[in-house]
């Protein structure tokens, strides 16, 4: 069953809103960063003598977020700050060095916000809520999209990944504080921290100032779901169901004929590369090599990389739809359905049915393909929202906005292929169960009258 140099004099303290956070820039000074106990370089936070480098980082971050690393040139970045490309090289060696420092800036802001929220005399839950709400405030430059990390050289990407886990560990310490003071119910703080950061990193992909909700309504809804969960708080949570069987999905894949199986394996390899390296870091040559094919073999199916990416995205969406359709046949209740859906999504990631697809490469698609694909994704999301509403009407879920509920749930698992590629401390089912419990029960302890 289922900037200029950070070692220059005149540094000013960082402000509480993160606007004056500055990170070290300039390739020749990369080795001058401080190192922590684990040997990972720790980002220096200081002020540039000039705001010029900060202006470049803010503008570049927006461009990378909107158009993807692959589709942004140094010329575009220079034009966005009313400059010429040559001037950018005073601060950054090349485009890769620039996006690396965009990541460093974002990570430094994240860390600063966590530390700022941890005010003495406040319980752990309130600190977490302060952090979440501050992160969602309207200052757009603070929303850095951590995509395409593995498109960078290994020395860069490993550093970014390590710093992300450091931030997660810092947030986990606050969660542990909440467990100790009784304000938070959490069995594995580090997994909860990853889930929370994943939710926040997912927001820029779906949030719109032109939608039916205001920024404040979105903040309130996300805060409420994270704090209280979606399951009615006066109802005791059921026991976790038995592990689901992967056999129906694997058997379906095994029935593919030889030609279809070879194509599917190639799409699986390409999907993994797109997930981790982004569109810019994925080459047809590397995919062909891993799949035991020639480049001509790929061109037989796809005339360009964009068509290959679209096929990978469609394959991933079809897999998610298949999970939903499979679960619908069992007539599961709200709790079991959510748990098994998240379990299957993560457990199938490392099988021939995987990998789980991420959406951060969508902007690499042409306008027609992107709009059509996004329409398919939104149609699937609407079905999930209808499920949430059905459980609200049946009295199992709290009266939450189903739009935000589904995006919180999706956000938890969206970055799973990035966070957990090299991290095997937990099984996929353990991670899925933890994410499900956070979504269903929230952080605040549940107390029932006996």
Protein backbone atom coordinates (compact mmCIF):
# COMPACT_ATOMS: atom_id res chain seq x y z
CA UNK A 1 0.00 0.00 0.00
CA UNK A 2 0.43 2.39 0.04
CA UNK A 3 32.47 45.81 -5.24
CA UNK A 4 35.22 46.99 -4.39
CA UNK A 5 37.43 45.31 -1.87
CA UNK A 6 35.89 44.49 1.48
CA UNK A 7 39.21 45.08 3.17
CA UNK A 8 39.01 48.80 2.43
CA UNK A 9 38.66 51.17 5.39
CA UNK A 10 35.46 52.91 6.36
CA UNK A 11 33.22 49.87 6.67
CA UNK A 12 29.82 50.64 8.08
CA UNK A 13 27.65 48.22 10.01
CA UNK A 14 24.97 46.27 8.21
CA UNK A 15 21.43 47.50 8.69
CA UNK A 16 18.63 45.37 10.07
CA UNK A 17 16.82 45.19 6.73
CA UNK A 18 19.80 43.69 4.98
CA UNK A 19 20.24 46.59 2.57
CA UNK A 20 23.77 47.37 3.74
CA UNK A 21 24.93 43.77 3.72
CA UNK A 22 28.03 43.60 1.60
CA UNK A 23 29.98 40.58 0.47
CA UNK A 24 33.57 40.29 -0.61
CA UNK A 25 33.98 40.71 -4.35
CA UNK A 26 36.94 40.63 -6.63
CA UNK A 27 38.41 37.28 -7.57
CA UNK A 28 41.86 38.02 -6.22
CA UNK A 29 40.47 38.36 -2.70
CA UNK A 30 38.52 35.11 -2.58
CA UNK A 31 41.21 33.47 -0.48
CA UNK A 32 41.02 36.18 2.16
CA UNK A 33 37.67 35.07 3.56
CA UNK A 34 37.43 33.84 7.12
CA UNK A 35 37.08 30.09 7.73
CA UNK A 36 34.86 28.48 10.33
CA UNK A 37 35.50 25.39 12.43
CA UNK A 38 34.40 23.06 9.62
CA UNK A 39 36.86 24.56 7.17
CA UNK A 40 34.22 26.26 5.00
CA UNK A 41 34.98 29.82 4.03
CA UNK A 42 32.72 32.17 5.94
CA UNK A 43 31.35 35.19 4.11
CA UNK A 44 32.70 38.49 5.31
CA UNK A 45 30.05 41.13 5.84
CA UNK A 46 31.25 44.70 5.44
CA UNK A 47 30.35 47.83 3.56
CA UNK A 48 31.83 48.82 0.24
CA UNK A 49 33.31 52.31 0.11
CA UNK A 50 30.89 52.78 -2.78
CA UNK A 51 27.45 51.32 -3.46
CA UNK A 52 28.43 50.52 -7.05
CA UNK A 53 29.21 46.84 -6.53
CA UNK A 54 26.03 46.41 -4.50
CA UNK A 55 24.05 48.03 -7.31
CA UNK A 56 25.56 45.59 -9.79
CA UNK A 57 24.78 42.60 -7.58
CA UNK A 58 21.18 43.70 -7.02
CA UNK A 59 20.54 44.27 -10.70
CA UNK A 60 22.33 41.10 -11.80
CA UNK A 61 20.38 39.04 -9.28
CA UNK A 62 17.12 40.32 -10.71
CA UNK A 63 18.22 39.59 -14.27
CA UNK A 64 19.40 36.08 -13.42
CA UNK A 65 16.14 35.42 -11.60
CA UNK A 66 13.99 36.65 -14.45
CA UNK A 67 15.89 35.29 -17.46
CA UNK A 68 18.14 32.51 -16.05
CA UNK A 69 21.92 32.39 -15.95
CA UNK A 70 22.08 31.10 -19.51
CA UNK A 71 20.15 34.00 -21.02
CA UNK A 72 21.85 36.93 -19.27
CA UNK A 73 24.97 38.55 -20.68
CA UNK A 74 27.46 40.89 -19.06
CA UNK A 75 26.32 43.48 -21.61
CA UNK A 76 22.78 43.27 -20.25
CA UNK A 77 23.97 43.56 -16.67
CA UNK A 78 26.10 46.59 -17.58
CA UNK A 79 23.17 48.24 -19.38
CA UNK A 80 20.93 47.67 -16.37
CA UNK A 81 23.28 49.76 -14.21
CA UNK A 82 23.96 52.34 -16.94
CA UNK A 83 27.50 51.22 -17.52
CA UNK A 84 29.70 49.42 -20.05
CA UNK A 85 30.73 45.76 -19.77
CA UNK A 86 34.36 46.63 -19.20
CA UNK A 87 33.49 48.47 -16.00
CA UNK A 88 32.02 45.30 -14.48
CA UNK A 89 35.39 43.56 -14.66
CA UNK A 90 36.71 45.99 -12.08
CA UNK A 91 34.61 44.00 -9.61
CA UNK A 92 34.09 40.55 -11.16
CA UNK A 93 36.29 38.35 -13.32
CA UNK A 94 33.48 37.06 -15.55
CA UNK A 95 29.78 36.17 -15.52
CA UNK A 96 30.37 33.07 -13.42
CA UNK A 97 32.21 35.13 -10.81
CA UNK A 98 29.34 37.62 -10.85
CA UNK A 99 26.57 35.09 -10.20
CA UNK A 100 28.72 33.42 -7.57
CA UNK A 101 28.85 36.70 -5.68
CA UNK A 102 25.11 37.15 -6.18
CA UNK A 103 24.75 33.86 -4.33
CA UNK A 104 27.17 34.97 -1.62
CA UNK A 105 25.22 38.19 -1.17
CA UNK A 106 21.96 36.28 -0.87
CA UNK A 107 23.42 33.82 1.61
CA UNK A 108 24.85 36.63 3.73
CA UNK A 109 21.45 38.32 3.81
CA UNK A 110 19.81 35.05 4.80
CA UNK A 111 22.26 34.54 7.64
CA UNK A 112 21.90 38.13 8.82
CA UNK A 113 18.12 37.82 8.88
CA UNK A 114 18.23 34.62 10.91
CA UNK A 115 20.62 36.18 13.40
CA UNK A 116 18.57 39.39 13.60
CA UNK A 117 15.36 37.47 14.30
CA UNK A 118 17.01 35.60 17.20
CA UNK A 119 16.36 38.32 19.74
CA UNK A 120 16.94 37.41 23.40
CA UNK A 121 13.85 36.79 25.49
CA UNK A 122 11.69 35.56 22.59
CA UNK A 123 10.63 31.94 22.28
CA UNK A 124 11.83 29.81 19.38
CA UNK A 125 8.56 29.80 17.45
CA UNK A 126 8.30 33.57 17.49
CA UNK A 127 11.90 33.86 16.27
CA UNK A 128 11.12 31.56 13.34
CA UNK A 129 7.96 33.51 12.52
CA UNK A 130 9.89 36.81 12.69
CA UNK A 131 12.46 35.38 10.27
CA UNK A 132 9.83 34.06 7.84
CA UNK A 133 7.83 37.28 7.82
CA UNK A 134 10.95 39.44 7.42
CA UNK A 135 12.16 37.30 4.51
CA UNK A 136 8.84 37.81 2.72
CA UNK A 137 8.83 41.60 3.05
CA UNK A 138 8.62 43.46 -0.28
CA UNK A 139 12.29 44.37 -0.74
CA UNK A 140 12.83 42.49 -4.00
CA UNK A 141 16.62 42.52 -3.85
CA UNK A 142 16.48 40.17 -0.90
CA UNK A 143 14.89 37.33 -2.85
CA UNK A 144 17.86 35.55 -4.41
CA UNK A 145 16.98 32.51 -6.51
CA UNK A 146 19.38 29.69 -5.70
CA UNK A 147 19.12 27.96 -9.06
CA UNK A 148 21.83 26.90 -11.49
CA UNK A 149 24.27 26.46 -8.61
CA UNK A 150 25.85 23.41 -10.20
CA UNK A 151 26.39 25.28 -13.46
CA UNK A 152 29.30 26.91 -11.65
CA UNK A 153 32.77 25.47 -11.37
CA UNK A 154 33.02 22.90 -8.60
CA UNK A 155 34.95 25.23 -6.30
CA UNK A 156 32.15 27.78 -6.55
CA UNK A 157 29.19 25.40 -6.41
CA UNK A 158 30.58 23.42 -3.48
CA UNK A 159 31.06 26.66 -1.56
CA UNK A 160 27.46 27.78 -2.21
CA UNK A 161 26.05 24.40 -1.20
CA UNK A 162 28.14 24.37 1.98
CA UNK A 163 26.98 27.86 2.93
CA UNK A 164 23.35 26.94 2.35
CA UNK A 165 23.69 24.03 4.76
CA UNK A 166 25.41 26.35 7.24
CA UNK A 167 22.39 28.66 7.11
CA UNK A 168 20.09 25.69 7.54
CA UNK A 169 22.09 24.58 10.58
CA UNK A 170 21.82 28.09 12.03
CA UNK A 171 18.04 28.02 11.62
CA UNK A 172 17.96 24.49 13.05
CA UNK A 173 19.61 25.81 16.23
CA UNK A 174 16.70 28.22 16.64
CA UNK A 175 14.24 25.38 16.10
CA UNK A 176 16.02 23.38 18.80
CA UNK A 177 15.65 26.38 21.08
CA UNK A 178 11.93 26.33 20.38
CA UNK A 179 11.72 22.63 21.15
CA UNK A 180 13.52 23.25 24.45
CA UNK A 181 11.19 26.08 25.49
CA UNK A 182 8.08 24.18 24.39
CA UNK A 183 7.00 26.54 21.62
CA UNK A 184 7.92 24.20 18.73
CA UNK A 185 7.15 20.55 18.03
CA UNK A 186 9.91 19.22 15.81
CA UNK A 187 11.67 15.83 15.71
CA UNK A 188 14.42 16.73 13.23
CA UNK A 189 15.26 20.46 13.31
CA UNK A 190 17.70 20.38 10.40
CA UNK A 191 15.11 18.84 8.06
CA UNK A 192 12.56 21.38 9.21
CA UNK A 193 15.06 24.18 8.53
CA UNK A 194 15.62 22.84 4.99
CA UNK A 195 11.85 22.71 4.44
CA UNK A 196 11.40 26.30 5.63
CA UNK A 197 14.23 27.65 3.48
CA UNK A 198 12.87 25.69 0.51
CA UNK A 199 9.43 27.25 0.97
CA UNK A 200 10.95 30.74 1.08
CA UNK A 201 13.19 30.10 -1.94
CA UNK A 202 10.13 28.90 -3.87
CA UNK A 203 8.11 32.09 -3.30
CA UNK A 204 9.75 34.19 -6.07
CA UNK A 205 8.71 31.57 -8.64
CA UNK A 206 4.99 31.99 -8.02
CA UNK A 207 4.42 35.27 -6.18
CA UNK A 208 2.79 38.06 -8.18
CA UNK A 209 1.91 41.58 -7.09
CA UNK A 210 -0.84 41.49 -9.71
CA UNK A 211 -2.71 38.48 -8.35
CA UNK A 212 -5.82 38.50 -6.14
CA UNK A 213 -3.87 38.75 -2.88
CA UNK A 214 -1.75 41.51 -1.44
CA UNK A 215 1.81 41.01 -0.23
CA UNK A 216 0.60 41.19 3.36
CA UNK A 217 -2.09 38.58 2.74
CA UNK A 218 0.52 36.24 1.30
CA UNK A 219 2.80 36.78 4.31
CA UNK A 220 -0.04 36.15 6.73
CA UNK A 221 -1.18 33.00 4.92
CA UNK A 222 2.29 31.45 4.70
CA UNK A 223 3.05 32.32 8.31
CA UNK A 224 -0.24 30.78 9.43
CA UNK A 225 0.28 27.52 7.51
CA UNK A 226 3.87 27.12 8.69
CA UNK A 227 2.87 27.83 12.28
CA UNK A 228 -0.38 25.90 12.61
CA UNK A 229 -0.41 23.46 9.68
CA UNK A 230 -3.46 22.72 7.56
CA UNK A 231 -4.95 19.86 9.58
CA UNK A 232 -7.68 20.85 12.04
CA UNK A 233 -5.96 21.50 15.33
CA UNK A 234 -8.66 19.98 17.50
CA UNK A 235 -8.32 16.64 15.68
CA UNK A 236 -5.55 14.26 16.68
CA UNK A 237 -3.23 13.39 13.81
CA UNK A 238 -3.57 9.81 12.53
CA UNK A 239 -0.64 7.41 12.62
CA UNK A 240 1.63 7.38 9.62
CA UNK A 241 0.39 4.92 6.95
CA UNK A 242 2.40 1.97 5.69
CA UNK A 243 5.08 2.68 3.10
CA UNK A 244 3.73 2.87 -0.44
CA UNK A 245 4.68 0.32 -3.07
CA UNK A 246 6.83 1.57 -5.92
CA UNK A 247 6.17 -1.58 -7.95
CA UNK A 248 3.31 -0.22 -10.11
CA UNK A 249 5.48 2.70 -11.25
CA UNK A 250 8.60 0.61 -11.85
CA UNK A 251 6.67 -2.09 -13.66
CA UNK A 252 5.13 0.48 -15.96
CA UNK A 253 8.58 1.80 -16.80
CA UNK A 254 9.95 -1.71 -17.36
CA UNK A 255 7.30 -2.39 -20.01
CA UNK A 256 8.75 0.22 -22.36
CA UNK A 257 10.17 -1.23 -25.56
CA UNK A 258 13.91 -1.01 -26.13
CA UNK A 259 13.78 2.20 -28.15
CA UNK A 260 11.40 3.94 -25.74
CA UNK A 261 13.44 2.78 -22.75
CA UNK A 262 16.64 4.21 -24.25
CA UNK A 263 14.94 7.55 -24.87
CA UNK A 264 13.47 7.58 -21.38
CA UNK A 265 16.87 6.89 -19.82
CA UNK A 266 18.35 9.75 -21.83
CA UNK A 267 15.59 12.06 -20.58
CA UNK A 268 16.25 10.92 -17.01
CA UNK A 269 19.97 11.75 -17.34
CA UNK A 270 19.19 15.09 -18.98
CA UNK A 271 16.62 15.95 -16.29
CA UNK A 272 19.18 15.35 -13.56
CA UNK A 273 21.66 17.62 -15.33
CA UNK A 274 19.07 20.36 -15.86
CA UNK A 275 18.06 20.11 -12.19
CA UNK A 276 21.57 20.50 -10.88
CA UNK A 277 23.46 22.46 -13.54
CA UNK A 278 20.65 24.49 -15.07
CA UNK A 279 20.17 25.05 -18.77
CA UNK A 280 23.51 26.82 -19.17
CA UNK A 281 25.55 24.14 -17.44
CA UNK A 282 24.00 21.24 -19.32
CA UNK A 283 25.61 20.23 -22.61
CA UNK A 284 24.28 17.78 -25.16
CA UNK A 285 27.73 16.19 -25.29
CA UNK A 286 27.76 15.36 -21.59
CA UNK A 287 24.25 13.93 -21.75
CA UNK A 288 25.14 11.80 -24.75
CA UNK A 289 28.22 10.50 -22.98
CA UNK A 290 26.34 9.55 -19.82
CA UNK A 291 23.56 7.93 -21.83
CA UNK A 292 25.95 5.93 -24.01
CA UNK A 293 24.76 7.74 -27.13
CA UNK A 294 26.29 9.96 -29.75
CA UNK A 295 25.36 13.60 -30.01
CA UNK A 296 23.74 12.73 -33.33
CA UNK A 297 21.55 10.30 -31.42
CA UNK A 298 20.20 13.15 -29.32
CA UNK A 299 19.66 15.32 -32.40
CA UNK A 300 17.61 12.49 -33.87
CA UNK A 301 15.03 13.20 -31.17
CA UNK A 302 15.64 16.89 -30.38
CA UNK A 303 16.91 19.55 -32.74
CA UNK A 304 18.10 21.81 -29.91
CA UNK A 305 18.64 21.91 -26.15
CA UNK A 306 15.44 23.84 -25.54
CA UNK A 307 13.37 21.02 -27.03
CA UNK A 308 15.21 18.51 -24.84
CA UNK A 309 14.54 20.61 -21.75
CA UNK A 310 10.85 20.83 -22.62
CA UNK A 311 10.67 17.05 -22.99
CA UNK A 312 12.32 16.63 -19.59
CA UNK A 313 9.90 19.03 -17.95
CA UNK A 314 6.93 17.28 -19.51
CA UNK A 315 8.25 13.92 -18.36
CA UNK A 316 8.57 15.20 -14.82
CA UNK A 317 5.08 16.68 -14.82
CA UNK A 318 3.64 13.46 -16.22
CA UNK A 319 5.27 11.60 -13.35
CA UNK A 320 3.69 13.90 -10.76
CA UNK A 321 0.29 13.63 -12.43
CA UNK A 322 0.68 9.85 -12.47
CA UNK A 323 1.26 9.84 -8.70
CA UNK A 324 -1.88 11.87 -8.11
CA UNK A 325 -4.00 9.67 -10.39
CA UNK A 326 -2.67 6.53 -8.74
CA UNK A 327 -3.54 7.78 -5.27
CA UNK A 328 -7.02 8.90 -6.27
CA UNK A 329 -7.96 5.28 -7.00
CA UNK A 330 -7.48 4.33 -3.32
CA UNK A 331 -9.96 6.81 -1.90
CA UNK A 332 -7.50 7.91 0.79
CA UNK A 333 -8.32 10.41 3.48
CA UNK A 334 -6.67 13.81 3.66
CA UNK A 335 -3.81 12.80 5.95
CA UNK A 336 -2.86 9.59 4.16
CA UNK A 337 -3.16 11.16 0.72
CA UNK A 338 -0.76 14.02 1.54
CA UNK A 339 1.77 11.70 3.20
CA UNK A 340 1.75 9.16 0.37
CA UNK A 341 1.88 11.82 -2.33
CA UNK A 342 5.02 13.39 -0.87
CA UNK A 343 6.52 9.97 -0.19
CA UNK A 344 6.09 8.76 -3.75
CA UNK A 345 7.40 12.02 -5.18
CA UNK A 346 10.66 11.73 -3.23
CA UNK A 347 11.02 7.94 -3.18
CA UNK A 348 10.70 7.69 -6.98
CA UNK A 349 13.37 10.35 -7.49
CA UNK A 350 16.28 7.88 -7.31
CA UNK A 351 14.56 5.21 -9.43
CA UNK A 352 14.28 4.89 -13.23
CA UNK A 353 11.04 6.87 -12.86
CA UNK A 354 13.00 9.87 -11.61
CA UNK A 355 14.43 12.31 -11.17
CA UNK A 356 11.94 14.70 -9.66
CA UNK A 357 11.91 17.76 -11.91
CA UNK A 358 12.52 21.32 -10.75
CA UNK A 359 11.04 24.31 -12.54
CA UNK A 360 13.85 26.82 -12.35
CA UNK A 361 14.78 26.33 -16.02
CA UNK A 362 11.38 27.34 -17.37
CA UNK A 363 12.61 30.77 -18.46
CA UNK A 364 15.01 29.06 -20.86
CA UNK A 365 12.00 27.95 -22.94
CA UNK A 366 10.61 30.09 -25.74
CA UNK A 367 7.46 32.08 -24.97
CA UNK A 368 5.04 29.68 -26.64
CA UNK A 369 6.41 26.54 -24.99
CA UNK A 370 6.75 28.24 -21.63
CA UNK A 371 3.17 29.50 -21.57
CA UNK A 372 1.80 26.14 -22.64
CA UNK A 373 3.83 24.23 -20.08
CA UNK A 374 3.02 26.65 -17.27
CA UNK A 375 -0.64 26.27 -18.18
CA UNK A 376 -0.35 22.50 -17.74
CA UNK A 377 1.37 22.92 -14.38
CA UNK A 378 -1.27 25.36 -13.16
CA UNK A 379 -4.05 23.00 -14.21
CA UNK A 380 -2.47 20.29 -12.06
CA UNK A 381 -2.11 22.69 -9.14
CA UNK A 382 -5.76 23.65 -9.40
CA UNK A 383 -6.69 19.99 -9.05
CA UNK A 384 -4.63 19.79 -5.87
CA UNK A 385 -6.34 22.94 -4.59
CA UNK A 386 -9.71 21.31 -5.21
CA UNK A 387 -8.56 18.38 -3.09
CA UNK A 388 -7.61 20.76 -0.27
CA UNK A 389 -11.00 22.46 -0.51
CA UNK A 390 -12.76 19.12 -0.40
CA UNK A 391 -10.97 18.27 2.85
CA UNK A 392 -11.80 21.70 4.25
CA UNK A 393 -15.46 21.10 3.46
CA UNK A 394 -15.26 17.64 5.04
CA UNK A 395 -13.87 19.13 8.25
CA UNK A 396 -10.35 17.67 8.12
CA UNK A 397 -8.42 20.75 7.02
CA UNK A 398 -8.56 24.18 8.60
CA UNK A 399 -10.15 26.98 6.58
CA UNK A 400 -6.93 27.99 4.83
CA UNK A 401 -6.42 29.57 1.42
CA UNK A 402 -5.86 26.54 -0.82
CA UNK A 403 -3.69 28.59 -3.20
CA UNK A 404 -1.10 29.21 -0.52
CA UNK A 405 -1.48 25.76 1.00
CA UNK A 406 -0.50 24.05 -2.24
CA UNK A 407 2.43 26.38 -2.80
CA UNK A 408 3.76 25.81 0.69
CA UNK A 409 3.51 22.04 0.18
CA UNK A 410 5.15 22.23 -3.25
CA UNK A 411 7.90 24.51 -1.99
CA UNK A 412 9.02 22.05 0.69
CA UNK A 413 9.90 19.34 -1.81
CA UNK A 414 10.74 21.39 -4.87
CA UNK A 415 14.46 21.72 -4.13
CA UNK A 416 14.85 18.12 -2.95
CA UNK A 417 17.12 17.20 -5.92
CA UNK A 418 19.43 20.08 -5.03
CA UNK A 419 19.56 19.80 -1.23
CA UNK A 420 19.85 16.06 -0.95
CA UNK A 421 21.91 14.93 -3.94
CA UNK A 422 24.98 14.29 -1.80
CA UNK A 423 23.28 14.14 1.59
CA UNK A 424 22.25 10.64 2.66
CA UNK A 425 21.67 11.10 6.38
CA UNK A 426 17.96 10.49 5.89
CA UNK A 427 16.03 8.18 3.58
CA UNK A 428 13.62 9.71 1.05
CA UNK A 429 10.69 8.44 3.09
CA UNK A 430 12.04 10.00 6.30
CA UNK A 431 12.39 13.34 4.53
CA UNK A 432 8.94 13.02 2.98
CA UNK A 433 7.32 12.18 6.31
CA UNK A 434 8.99 15.12 7.98
CA UNK A 435 7.88 17.52 5.25
CA UNK A 436 4.35 16.11 5.36
CA UNK A 437 4.09 16.50 9.12
CA UNK A 438 5.27 20.11 8.91
CA UNK A 439 2.63 20.87 6.29
CA UNK A 440 -0.16 19.05 8.12
CA UNK A 441 0.66 19.90 11.75
CA UNK A 442 2.77 23.07 11.59
CA UNK A 443 5.46 24.05 14.06
CA UNK A 444 3.25 24.86 17.03
CA UNK A 445 2.71 21.96 19.43
CA UNK A 446 -0.76 20.41 19.44
CA UNK A 447 -2.43 19.95 22.78
CA UNK A 448 -5.62 18.00 23.09
CA UNK A 449 -7.94 17.90 26.08
CA UNK A 450 -8.18 14.33 27.37
